[in-house]
Protein backbone atom coordinates (compact mmCIF):
# COMPACT_ATOMS: atom_id res chain seq x y z
CA MET A 1 0.00 0.00 0.00
CA ALA A 2 1.29 3.44 -0.93
CA GLY A 3 2.72 5.39 1.97
CA CYS A 4 3.33 2.31 4.12
CA ALA A 5 6.91 1.53 5.09
CA ALA A 6 8.09 -2.00 4.47
CA SER A 7 8.54 -4.09 7.59
CA PRO A 8 12.21 -4.36 8.55
CA LYS A 9 13.75 -7.76 8.04
CA ALA A 10 14.74 -9.70 11.10
CA PRO A 11 18.51 -9.76 11.59
CA LYS A 12 20.19 -12.86 10.27
CA ARG A 13 21.41 -15.16 12.99
CA ILE A 14 25.17 -15.67 13.05
CA GLU A 15 26.55 -19.13 13.70
CA THR A 16 28.48 -19.30 16.96
CA PRO A 17 32.02 -20.75 17.05
CA ALA A 18 30.72 -23.73 19.03
CA GLU A 19 28.07 -24.42 16.36
CA ALA A 20 30.63 -24.09 13.57
CA HIS A 21 32.96 -26.49 15.39
CA ALA A 22 30.13 -28.98 15.87
CA ARG A 23 29.21 -28.83 12.18
CA THR A 24 32.82 -29.38 11.10
CA GLY A 25 33.16 -32.12 13.71
CA GLU A 26 30.28 -34.04 12.15
CA ARG A 27 32.06 -33.91 8.81
CA ILE A 28 35.34 -35.09 10.37
CA ALA A 29 33.62 -37.98 12.16
CA ALA A 30 32.00 -39.11 8.90
CA ASP A 31 35.37 -39.49 7.12
CA PRO A 32 38.45 -38.62 9.23
CA VAL A 33 40.97 -39.63 6.57
CA ALA A 34 39.31 -37.45 3.92
CA PHE A 35 39.49 -34.54 6.36
CA LEU A 36 43.22 -35.14 6.94
CA ARG A 37 43.78 -35.18 3.18
CA GLU A 38 42.07 -31.78 3.02
CA VAL A 39 44.45 -30.49 5.71
CA ASP A 40 47.41 -31.92 3.78
CA GLU A 41 46.25 -30.15 0.63
CA ARG A 42 45.88 -26.90 2.58
CA VAL A 43 49.40 -26.99 4.02
CA SER A 44 50.86 -27.97 0.64
CA ARG A 45 49.90 -24.48 -0.54
CA LEU A 46 51.90 -22.77 2.23
CA ARG A 47 55.16 -21.83 0.56
CA GLN A 48 56.63 -20.06 3.60
CA TYR A 49 55.70 -19.17 7.15
CA ARG A 50 56.84 -18.38 10.65
CA LEU A 51 55.53 -20.21 13.70
CA THR A 52 56.31 -21.08 17.30
CA PHE A 53 57.37 -24.71 17.50
CA TYR A 54 57.05 -26.56 20.80
CA ARG A 55 59.03 -29.79 20.92
CA GLN A 56 59.26 -32.51 23.56
CA GLU A 57 61.01 -35.81 22.82
CA ARG A 58 62.43 -38.92 24.47
CA THR A 59 66.14 -38.76 23.71
CA GLY A 60 69.44 -39.92 25.16
CA LEU A 61 70.61 -43.24 26.58
CA PRO A 62 68.50 -44.49 28.18
CA PRO A 63 65.73 -42.51 26.44
CA ARG A 64 63.97 -40.03 28.71
CA LEU A 65 61.27 -37.47 28.01
CA GLY A 66 62.99 -34.10 28.11
CA PRO A 67 61.54 -30.66 28.85
CA MET A 68 59.42 -28.93 26.23
CA GLU A 69 61.43 -26.59 24.03
CA GLU A 70 60.00 -23.36 22.62
CA ILE A 71 61.50 -22.55 19.23
CA ARG A 72 60.92 -19.61 16.90
CA ALA A 73 60.89 -21.23 13.47
CA ALA A 74 60.98 -19.92 9.91
CA PHE A 75 60.19 -22.18 6.95
CA ARG A 76 60.52 -21.80 3.18
CA GLN A 77 59.58 -24.48 0.65
CA GLU A 78 61.85 -23.43 -2.26
CA PRO A 79 64.70 -23.88 -1.74
CA PHE A 80 63.85 -25.97 1.32
CA SER A 81 64.99 -23.82 4.25
CA VAL A 82 64.48 -23.93 8.02
CA LYS A 83 65.77 -21.70 10.79
CA PHE A 84 65.32 -22.32 14.52
CA ASN A 85 65.90 -19.78 17.31
CA TRP A 86 65.94 -20.75 20.99
CA ASP A 87 65.42 -17.84 23.41
CA SER A 88 65.65 -19.85 26.62
CA PRO A 89 69.06 -19.51 28.32
CA ASP A 90 68.76 -23.17 29.32
CA MET A 91 69.03 -24.40 25.73
CA PRO A 92 72.45 -25.44 24.34
CA TYR A 93 72.00 -23.47 21.09
CA TYR A 94 71.09 -19.93 20.13
CA GLU A 95 70.06 -20.83 16.60
CA SER A 96 70.40 -23.31 13.76
CA VAL A 97 69.76 -23.05 10.04
CA TYR A 98 69.57 -25.36 7.04
CA VAL A 99 69.21 -24.40 3.37
CA GLN A 100 69.07 -27.12 0.74
CA GLY A 101 71.99 -26.81 -1.66
CA ARG A 102 73.97 -24.36 0.48
CA ASP A 103 77.17 -25.16 2.41
CA ASP A 104 77.20 -28.75 1.14
CA ASN A 105 73.75 -29.30 2.67
CA LEU A 106 75.21 -29.01 6.17
CA LEU A 107 73.34 -27.78 9.24
CA ALA A 108 74.84 -24.63 10.80
CA VAL A 109 74.43 -24.09 14.54
CA ARG A 110 75.49 -21.33 16.92
CA GLU A 111 76.16 -22.80 20.33
CA ARG A 112 75.10 -21.13 23.55
CA LYS A 113 77.25 -23.53 25.55
CA GLY A 114 80.42 -25.37 24.54
CA ILE A 115 80.26 -29.10 23.96
CA LEU A 116 82.63 -29.51 26.94
CA PRO A 117 82.98 -27.30 30.06
CA PHE A 118 86.41 -26.00 28.97
CA VAL A 119 85.47 -25.48 25.29
CA PRO A 120 83.94 -22.08 24.43
CA PRO A 121 80.73 -22.00 22.35
CA GLN A 122 81.30 -21.91 18.62
CA VAL A 123 79.57 -21.83 15.26
CA ARG A 124 79.61 -25.35 13.83
CA ASN A 125 78.63 -26.98 10.55
CA MET A 126 77.47 -30.58 10.81
CA ASP A 127 75.64 -33.32 8.97
CA VAL A 128 71.88 -32.93 9.40
CA MET A 129 71.70 -36.44 10.88
CA LEU A 130 74.31 -35.82 13.59
CA PRO A 131 71.83 -34.48 16.21
CA VAL A 132 69.78 -37.65 15.66
CA LYS A 133 72.79 -39.97 15.88
CA ILE A 134 74.03 -38.46 19.17
CA GLY A 135 70.57 -38.49 20.74
CA LYS A 136 69.85 -34.75 20.71
CA SER A 137 66.80 -34.97 18.45
CA LYS A 138 64.39 -37.60 17.13
CA ASN A 139 64.32 -36.21 13.60
CA PRO A 140 66.64 -34.15 11.38
CA ILE A 141 65.78 -30.54 10.65
CA THR A 142 65.01 -31.63 7.07
CA ASP A 143 61.89 -33.38 8.42
CA PHE A 144 60.49 -30.14 9.86
CA GLY A 145 57.34 -28.50 8.52
CA LEU A 146 53.58 -28.78 8.57
CA ARG A 147 53.53 -30.62 5.24
CA ARG A 148 56.15 -33.15 6.32
CA MET A 149 54.16 -33.89 9.47
CA MET A 150 50.96 -34.45 7.49
CA GLU A 151 52.78 -36.65 4.97
CA ARG A 152 54.08 -38.89 7.76
CA THR A 153 50.61 -39.03 9.30
CA LEU A 154 48.94 -40.07 6.03
CA LEU A 155 51.64 -42.49 4.89
CA PRO A 156 50.19 -45.62 6.60
CA PHE A 157 46.74 -44.82 5.19
CA ASN A 158 48.26 -45.08 1.71
CA ILE A 159 49.45 -48.65 2.35
CA PRO A 160 46.39 -50.94 2.05
CA GLU A 161 47.68 -53.79 4.23
CA ILE A 162 48.40 -51.33 7.06
CA ALA A 163 45.37 -49.09 6.56
CA ARG A 164 42.88 -51.92 6.94
CA VAL A 165 44.19 -52.88 10.40
CA MET A 166 44.33 -49.30 11.71
CA THR A 167 41.60 -47.31 13.39
CA ILE A 168 41.05 -43.57 13.34
CA ARG A 169 38.33 -41.75 15.20
CA TYR A 170 37.31 -38.19 15.92
CA GLU A 171 37.36 -37.40 19.65
CA GLY A 172 35.86 -33.89 19.63
CA VAL A 173 37.05 -30.34 20.31
CA VAL A 174 39.63 -29.89 23.07
CA GLY A 175 41.80 -27.08 24.42
CA LEU A 176 45.42 -27.73 23.50
CA GLU A 177 48.26 -26.65 25.76
CA PRO A 178 50.55 -24.80 25.65
CA ILE A 179 48.97 -22.94 22.73
CA TYR A 180 45.55 -22.57 24.43
CA ARG A 181 43.42 -22.84 21.31
CA PRO A 182 40.43 -25.03 20.45
CA VAL A 183 41.46 -27.93 18.23
CA PHE A 184 39.86 -30.94 16.58
CA TYR A 185 41.30 -34.06 18.17
CA LEU A 186 41.73 -37.28 16.17
CA ARG A 187 43.22 -40.51 17.49
CA VAL A 188 44.95 -43.10 15.32
CA ASP A 189 45.68 -46.60 16.65
CA ARG A 190 47.96 -49.07 14.90
CA PRO A 191 48.67 -52.71 15.80
CA ALA A 192 52.14 -53.58 17.03
CA GLY A 193 54.63 -54.20 14.24
CA LYS A 194 53.48 -53.69 10.66
CA GLY A 195 56.65 -51.68 10.08
CA MET A 196 55.37 -48.70 12.08
CA ASN A 197 57.30 -47.28 15.03
CA TYR A 198 54.29 -45.92 16.88
CA ALA A 199 51.22 -47.71 18.18
CA ARG A 200 49.18 -44.54 18.66
CA GLN A 201 49.06 -41.01 17.31
CA ASP A 202 47.03 -38.15 18.71
CA LEU A 203 46.57 -35.47 16.06
CA TYR A 204 45.31 -31.93 16.63
CA ILE A 205 43.97 -29.57 13.96
CA ASP A 206 43.30 -25.92 14.78
CA ALA A 207 39.53 -25.45 14.82
CA GLU A 208 39.74 -21.96 13.29
CA THR A 209 42.58 -22.10 10.77
CA LEU A 210 42.21 -25.84 9.98
CA LEU A 211 46.01 -26.11 10.03
CA PRO A 212 47.95 -28.69 12.06
CA ALA A 213 48.29 -27.62 15.69
CA GLY A 214 50.22 -30.58 17.07
CA THR A 215 50.72 -34.30 17.42
CA ASP A 216 51.62 -36.81 20.15
CA LEU A 217 53.24 -40.14 19.24
CA TYR A 218 53.13 -43.15 21.56
CA LEU A 219 55.20 -46.31 21.60
CA PRO A 220 53.61 -49.65 22.51
CA GLY A 221 52.70 -49.61 26.19
CA ASP A 222 51.28 -46.06 25.88
CA ILE A 223 54.74 -44.49 26.27
CA LEU A 224 54.81 -40.89 25.03
CA ASP A 225 57.81 -40.56 22.71
CA VAL A 226 57.19 -37.29 20.86
CA ARG A 227 55.05 -34.19 21.46
CA TYR A 228 54.98 -31.38 18.91
CA ARG A 229 52.93 -28.17 18.90
CA TYR A 230 52.62 -25.53 16.16
CA ALA A 231 51.45 -22.11 17.34
CA HIS A 232 51.10 -18.61 15.86
CA VAL A 233 51.39 -19.87 12.28
CA ASP A 234 51.90 -16.82 10.05
CA PRO A 235 51.97 -17.52 6.30
CA ASN A 236 51.76 -13.82 5.42
CA VAL A 237 55.51 -13.29 5.37
CA GLN A 238 58.11 -12.45 2.73
CA LEU A 239 61.16 -14.49 3.71
CA THR A 240 64.45 -14.00 1.87
CA ASP A 241 67.88 -15.63 1.95
CA ALA A 242 68.82 -13.20 4.73
CA ASP A 243 66.22 -14.81 7.00
CA PHE A 244 68.03 -18.14 6.69
CA ARG A 245 71.46 -17.18 7.90
CA LEU A 246 73.00 -17.28 11.35
CA SER A 247 73.16 -13.94 13.12
CA PRO A 248 76.57 -12.21 12.84
CA ALA A 249 76.81 -12.32 16.64
CA PRO A 250 74.99 -14.26 19.37
CA PRO A 251 71.44 -12.86 19.45
CA ALA A 252 70.27 -11.31 22.70
CA SER A 253 67.89 -13.60 24.53
CA ARG A 254 64.39 -12.29 24.86
CA PRO A 255 61.50 -13.40 27.07
CA ALA A 256 59.52 -16.36 25.79
CA ARG A 257 56.26 -15.43 24.08
CA ALA A 258 53.34 -15.43 26.49
CA SER A 259 50.65 -17.91 25.51
CA ALA A 260 47.35 -16.23 24.68
CA LYS A 261 44.44 -17.80 26.48
């Protein structure tokens, strides 16, 4: 009718984060492996990024679960490049860097402490496998990266005789420490043997970014062997060769990043 104002439309209801998580969770539960392949495809498109890497591993002889390290990490896909910075004064290194094709593919490290009490800290070049061989790390730096982690996770699902005796289930949304973010939690169980080192894997995918947030790997007997966390992933960076070199002098230690709750 002329002269009559149209009735205002009711505001559109916005989906809450909890509702969005529940909807995505239903999709994960319906086909967990398909969801992990989506995550793998997503991280394959990340050509470079910075993140905070939390690492806890059973190392040494006899193997013991060490303290959790907090590492500032930079990653570049081409050429494959990784740089780690440790700010904690308790860590033996200030920084390490690897660039594929540079310096004979050696790992460069700047020590915070000498390898012996009477030996001053130095800059050293070493084979990437040396930290693994001497029990300082479970994996070489060349295995670092969100894509590498997803590839290792999906590998047994690509082997039919292993995949058919494995189970994977979606366990819901949980809060993941020390990054204090909601994550989708998936659990993978594998029978003993079958050529796999781990009997169980707990996998965490950030509920907002849908990027890997961490993983826990268990030996038979429910023994935690590895715990990794990936926080503050920032793909909006422009990394250059200069970002993958050791500092000209020992970098000043700075306080560890406070975790945002």
